[in-house]
Protein backbone atom coordinates (compact mmCIF):
# COMPACT_ATOMS: atom_id res chain seq x y z
CA MET A 1 28.71 -75.08 -92.56
CA THR A 2 25.55 -76.45 -93.81
CA ARG A 3 22.99 -73.85 -95.54
CA PRO A 4 20.90 -74.48 -93.06
CA ARG A 5 16.58 -74.87 -93.39
CA VAL A 6 16.37 -71.92 -91.41
CA SER A 7 16.88 -68.28 -90.87
CA VAL A 8 15.98 -66.95 -87.52
CA VAL A 9 15.99 -63.52 -87.48
CA ILE A 10 15.64 -61.81 -84.07
CA PRO A 11 15.59 -58.11 -83.96
CA ALA A 12 16.80 -55.91 -81.22
CA TYR A 13 17.74 -53.43 -78.69
CA ASN A 14 20.08 -52.69 -76.08
CA GLU A 15 19.08 -55.86 -74.42
CA GLY A 16 22.46 -56.64 -73.47
CA LYS A 17 22.75 -59.96 -71.72
CA ASP A 18 19.06 -60.44 -70.90
CA ILE A 19 19.57 -62.19 -74.42
CA VAL A 20 21.82 -64.27 -72.93
CA PRO A 21 18.87 -67.11 -71.51
CA VAL A 22 16.88 -65.90 -75.36
CA LEU A 23 19.55 -67.97 -77.29
CA ASP A 24 20.88 -70.58 -74.71
CA ARG A 25 16.96 -71.75 -74.91
CA LEU A 26 16.85 -71.11 -78.69
CA PHE A 27 20.25 -73.38 -79.28
CA GLY A 28 18.98 -75.46 -76.61
CA ALA A 29 15.05 -76.17 -78.23
CA VAL A 30 16.01 -75.54 -82.69
CA THR A 31 17.04 -79.25 -84.18
CA LEU A 32 17.22 -78.26 -87.63
CA VAL A 33 21.00 -76.30 -89.00
CA CYS A 34 20.05 -72.73 -88.56
CA GLU A 35 21.33 -69.61 -88.36
CA VAL A 36 20.28 -67.32 -85.86
CA LEU A 37 20.36 -62.91 -87.21
CA VAL A 38 20.62 -60.66 -84.12
CA VAL A 39 19.53 -57.38 -86.42
CA VAL A 40 20.73 -54.28 -84.40
CA ASP A 41 20.33 -50.35 -85.32
CA ALA A 42 24.06 -49.41 -84.27
CA PRO A 43 27.68 -50.61 -83.85
CA ASP A 44 27.22 -49.04 -80.76
CA ASP A 45 24.42 -51.39 -79.90
CA THR A 46 24.70 -52.90 -75.83
CA THR A 47 23.62 -56.15 -77.34
CA VAL A 48 26.32 -56.20 -79.63
CA ALA A 49 28.93 -57.36 -78.03
CA VAL A 50 26.96 -60.07 -76.02
CA ILE A 51 26.79 -61.30 -79.04
CA GLU A 52 30.00 -61.47 -80.51
CA GLU A 53 31.71 -63.61 -77.30
CA TYR A 54 28.38 -65.44 -77.49
CA ALA A 55 28.99 -66.24 -81.53
CA GLN A 56 32.26 -67.85 -80.10
CA GLY A 57 30.26 -71.44 -79.41
CA GLN A 58 27.91 -70.39 -81.82
CA PRO A 59 29.88 -70.72 -85.31
CA GLY A 60 25.74 -69.86 -86.72
CA LEU A 61 24.86 -66.50 -84.60
CA ARG A 62 26.35 -63.23 -85.16
CA CYS A 63 25.24 -59.84 -85.68
CA THR A 64 24.18 -57.43 -88.26
CA VAL A 65 23.87 -53.97 -88.35
CA ASN A 66 20.44 -52.82 -89.96
CA THR A 67 21.40 -50.15 -92.62
CA TYR A 68 17.89 -49.74 -93.75
CA GLY A 69 16.38 -46.89 -90.71
CA ARG A 70 16.35 -47.49 -86.86
CA GLY A 71 13.56 -49.08 -85.10
CA PRO A 72 11.80 -53.27 -85.70
CA ALA A 73 10.59 -53.31 -88.54
CA ASN A 74 13.54 -52.44 -90.41
CA ALA A 75 15.51 -54.85 -88.40
CA ILE A 76 13.07 -57.33 -89.80
CA ARG A 77 13.06 -56.30 -93.31
CA PHE A 78 17.03 -55.65 -93.21
CA GLY A 79 17.58 -59.31 -91.74
CA ILE A 80 15.59 -61.07 -94.08
CA GLU A 81 17.08 -59.36 -96.69
CA VAL A 82 20.43 -60.83 -95.63
CA ALA A 83 18.46 -64.77 -95.20
CA THR A 84 20.40 -66.71 -96.40
CA ALA A 85 17.76 -70.46 -95.73
CA PRO A 86 14.48 -71.14 -97.70
CA VAL A 87 12.76 -70.15 -94.51
CA THR A 88 12.57 -67.21 -91.95
CA VAL A 89 11.63 -67.18 -88.58
CA VAL A 90 10.94 -63.96 -86.57
CA THR A 91 10.49 -64.35 -82.94
CA MET A 92 11.47 -61.48 -80.79
CA ALA A 93 14.93 -60.58 -78.31
CA ASP A 94 12.42 -60.61 -74.88
CA GLY A 95 12.72 -64.47 -74.48
CA CYS A 96 8.47 -64.47 -74.73
CA ASP A 97 8.25 -67.25 -77.66
CA ASP A 98 8.94 -70.36 -77.30
CA PRO A 99 11.69 -71.43 -79.66
CA ARG A 100 10.59 -75.44 -79.32
CA GLN A 101 8.49 -74.21 -82.10
CA ILE A 102 11.20 -73.28 -84.22
CA ASP A 103 11.02 -76.87 -85.86
CA ASP A 104 7.81 -77.37 -86.24
CA LEU A 105 7.28 -73.95 -88.05
CA THR A 106 9.74 -74.69 -90.24
CA ARG A 107 8.00 -77.67 -91.39
CA LEU A 108 5.30 -76.94 -92.67
CA VAL A 109 6.66 -73.74 -95.09
CA GLU A 110 8.81 -76.11 -96.48
CA ARG A 111 5.25 -78.68 -97.03
CA GLY A 112 4.25 -75.43 -98.88
CA VAL A 113 2.47 -72.91 -96.62
CA SER A 114 3.48 -69.07 -97.09
CA VAL A 115 2.92 -68.11 -93.11
CA ALA A 116 2.81 -70.18 -90.79
CA ALA A 117 1.84 -68.89 -87.17
CA ALA A 118 2.82 -69.49 -83.44
CA SER A 119 -0.97 -68.80 -82.32
CA ARG A 120 -1.41 -67.33 -78.72
CA TYR A 121 -5.36 -67.78 -79.24
CA MET A 122 -5.96 -70.99 -81.24
CA PRO A 123 -7.28 -74.26 -78.47
CA GLY A 124 -3.76 -75.44 -77.05
CA GLY A 125 -2.35 -71.69 -76.59
CA GLN A 126 -2.16 -69.22 -74.17
CA GLN A 127 -0.65 -65.53 -72.94
CA VAL A 128 0.16 -65.61 -69.67
CA GLY A 129 1.08 -61.82 -68.22
CA GLY A 130 1.61 -58.96 -70.89
CA PRO A 131 -0.07 -55.73 -70.47
CA TRP A 132 -4.31 -56.90 -70.78
CA LEU A 133 -5.54 -53.84 -72.99
CA LYS A 134 -2.42 -54.58 -75.48
CA ALA A 135 -3.35 -58.79 -75.19
CA LEU A 136 -7.61 -57.65 -75.53
CA ILE A 137 -6.94 -55.54 -78.83
CA SER A 138 -4.72 -58.49 -80.25
CA LYS A 139 -6.70 -60.56 -79.54
CA TRP A 140 -9.99 -59.72 -80.73
CA ALA A 141 -8.30 -58.41 -84.20
CA GLY A 142 -7.05 -61.80 -84.42
CA LEU A 143 -10.22 -64.01 -83.90
CA SER A 144 -11.77 -61.20 -85.48
CA LEU A 145 -9.48 -61.79 -88.70
CA TRP A 146 -10.28 -65.19 -88.65
CA LEU A 147 -14.04 -65.76 -88.98
CA LEU A 148 -14.43 -63.13 -90.78
CA ALA A 149 -11.47 -62.88 -93.62
CA HIS A 150 -11.18 -66.68 -92.85
CA LEU A 151 -6.72 -65.84 -92.16
CA GLY A 152 -5.95 -69.42 -91.57
CA THR A 153 -4.69 -68.17 -88.12
CA ARG A 154 -6.05 -67.07 -85.17
CA ASP A 155 -3.36 -64.24 -84.55
CA ALA A 156 -2.60 -62.47 -87.02
CA THR A 157 -1.13 -59.74 -84.55
CA ASN A 158 1.98 -61.75 -83.61
CA SER A 159 5.58 -61.50 -84.10
CA PHE A 160 5.95 -65.51 -84.46
CA LYS A 161 6.39 -66.42 -87.38
CA ALA A 162 7.75 -68.90 -90.09
CA TYR A 163 7.55 -67.52 -93.58
CA SER A 164 8.76 -68.29 -97.07
CA THR A 165 11.96 -66.94 -97.53
CA ASP A 166 11.09 -66.07 -101.64
CA PHE A 167 7.62 -65.37 -100.40
CA VAL A 168 8.51 -62.24 -98.82
CA ARG A 169 10.08 -61.11 -100.91
CA SER A 170 8.38 -60.60 -103.62
CA VAL A 171 6.05 -59.38 -102.10
CA GLY A 172 8.21 -56.51 -100.46
CA ILE A 173 7.96 -55.50 -96.59
CA ASP A 174 6.00 -52.05 -96.70
CA SER A 175 6.48 -51.53 -92.55
CA ARG A 176 8.79 -49.05 -90.96
CA ASP A 177 7.61 -48.53 -87.98
CA GLY A 178 6.27 -51.04 -85.63
CA PHE A 179 6.12 -54.18 -85.72
CA GLU A 180 3.26 -55.41 -87.97
CA ILE A 181 4.89 -56.85 -90.23
CA GLY A 182 2.99 -60.02 -88.98
CA ILE A 183 -0.10 -59.07 -89.99
CA GLU A 184 0.76 -57.33 -93.10
CA LEU A 185 2.68 -60.84 -94.56
CA ILE A 186 -0.62 -62.87 -93.10
CA ALA A 187 -2.67 -60.12 -95.23
CA LYS A 188 -0.97 -60.30 -98.25
CA ALA A 189 -0.51 -63.92 -98.30
CA LYS A 190 -4.64 -63.98 -97.46
CA ARG A 191 -4.92 -61.74 -100.75
CA LEU A 192 -2.91 -63.51 -103.29
CA ARG A 193 -4.92 -67.22 -101.23
CA ARG A 194 -1.98 -68.27 -100.58
CA PRO A 195 -1.74 -71.28 -97.67
CA VAL A 196 -1.64 -69.73 -94.25
CA ALA A 197 -0.98 -72.11 -90.88
CA GLU A 198 -1.03 -71.73 -87.80
CA LEU A 199 0.28 -73.80 -84.43
CA PRO A 200 -0.38 -73.28 -80.65
CA THR A 201 1.80 -71.16 -78.30
CA ILE A 202 2.31 -70.34 -75.54
CA TRP A 203 3.56 -66.86 -74.70
CA LEU A 204 5.39 -65.60 -71.77
CA ASP A 205 5.41 -61.76 -70.33
CA ARG A 206 9.38 -61.08 -70.99
CA GLN A 207 11.70 -61.69 -67.23
CA ALA A 208 13.73 -59.78 -67.87
CA GLY A 209 14.16 -55.61 -69.66
CA VAL A 210 11.31 -53.01 -70.67
CA SER A 211 8.92 -53.29 -73.69
CA ASN A 212 9.54 -51.64 -76.57
CA PHE A 213 6.16 -52.19 -77.86
CA LYS A 214 4.45 -48.43 -78.11
CA ILE A 215 0.42 -49.58 -78.37
CA ALA A 216 -0.71 -46.13 -79.11
CA GLN A 217 1.44 -45.00 -82.09
CA TRP A 218 1.33 -48.62 -83.38
CA ILE A 219 -2.59 -49.33 -83.16
CA PRO A 220 -3.48 -47.31 -87.05
CA LYS A 221 -0.78 -49.58 -88.42
CA TYR A 222 -2.37 -52.47 -87.72
CA LEU A 223 -5.76 -51.49 -88.48
CA ARG A 224 -4.38 -50.83 -91.95
CA TRP A 225 -3.24 -54.22 -92.31
CA TYR A 226 -6.81 -55.08 -90.79
CA ARG A 227 -9.03 -53.87 -93.39
CA PHE A 228 -6.49 -54.56 -96.17
CA ALA A 229 -6.78 -58.41 -95.22
CA PHE A 230 -10.41 -58.04 -96.75
CA GLY A 231 -11.01 -58.22 -100.41
CA PRO A 232 -10.67 -59.81 -103.44
CA ARG A 233 -7.70 -61.64 -104.72
CA LEU A 234 -4.39 -59.77 -105.89
CA SER A 235 -1.51 -60.65 -108.48
CA VAL A 236 1.49 -59.49 -106.70
CA ALA A 237 2.53 -57.17 -109.19
CA GLN A 238 -0.96 -55.47 -108.12
CA ILE A 239 0.61 -55.58 -104.99
CA ARG A 240 3.58 -54.31 -105.53
CA ALA A 241 2.36 -51.63 -107.55
CA ARG A 242 0.21 -50.44 -104.30
CA SER A 243 3.19 -50.98 -102.17
CA ALA A 244 5.05 -48.85 -104.68
CA ARG A 245 2.27 -45.88 -104.19
CA SER A 246 2.17 -46.12 -100.33
CA LEU A 247 5.36 -46.27 -100.17
CA SER A 248 5.61 -42.73 -101.79
CA LYS A 249 3.09 -41.46 -100.73
CA GLY A 250 4.70 -41.51 -97.43
CA ALA A 251 8.02 -40.47 -98.21
């Protein structure tokens, strides 16, 4: 297989056959040479057998078992670590994201941005469905960061983003629990003064299965990175040192 231009990382938890239409749309939409990494927490996850069957017709698809610990943050960390492409796109297994934008997000990173965000809150973007409180908090956080911290996107909390794989590996990922990786990496890009871009997206609430987003549990983790986005310029070494101190305190 030709080296992929983009690695698509999909954290999954007991999606079973619900992931099939998501993969159908993804492979029907992405025109760039890609690898698709579905990351699960355990070999007995109901997603595994479905992916193994689907992969018989898609050599770029593989299911991999996360060894960093349970939860979506660790699954995303693991997926980015084993990705082989210079660009990594993180998208969800619930079908809420529009895979037609993976090509364009990838090209933005190839042109030099460290993070390219799919934005629900810029002109042309929209969120359809989903819990109203979650949507309100997400929109407030994204727009306030854009206005006050000049973050480069109006949708910092959306997990659907493309990253320079080298950028992510250089700054590391501190998150260990939820979906706050999206805001963590964009806050780190801001403190490093790395370029960030956005494209409008239409997010549709999932049609099958149950969301694993736990708003009360994860809000404090989002607030940590919200605050971090404000501050003077840092070097990669300074970011890594802060991460090491933070992780040692949490150990």
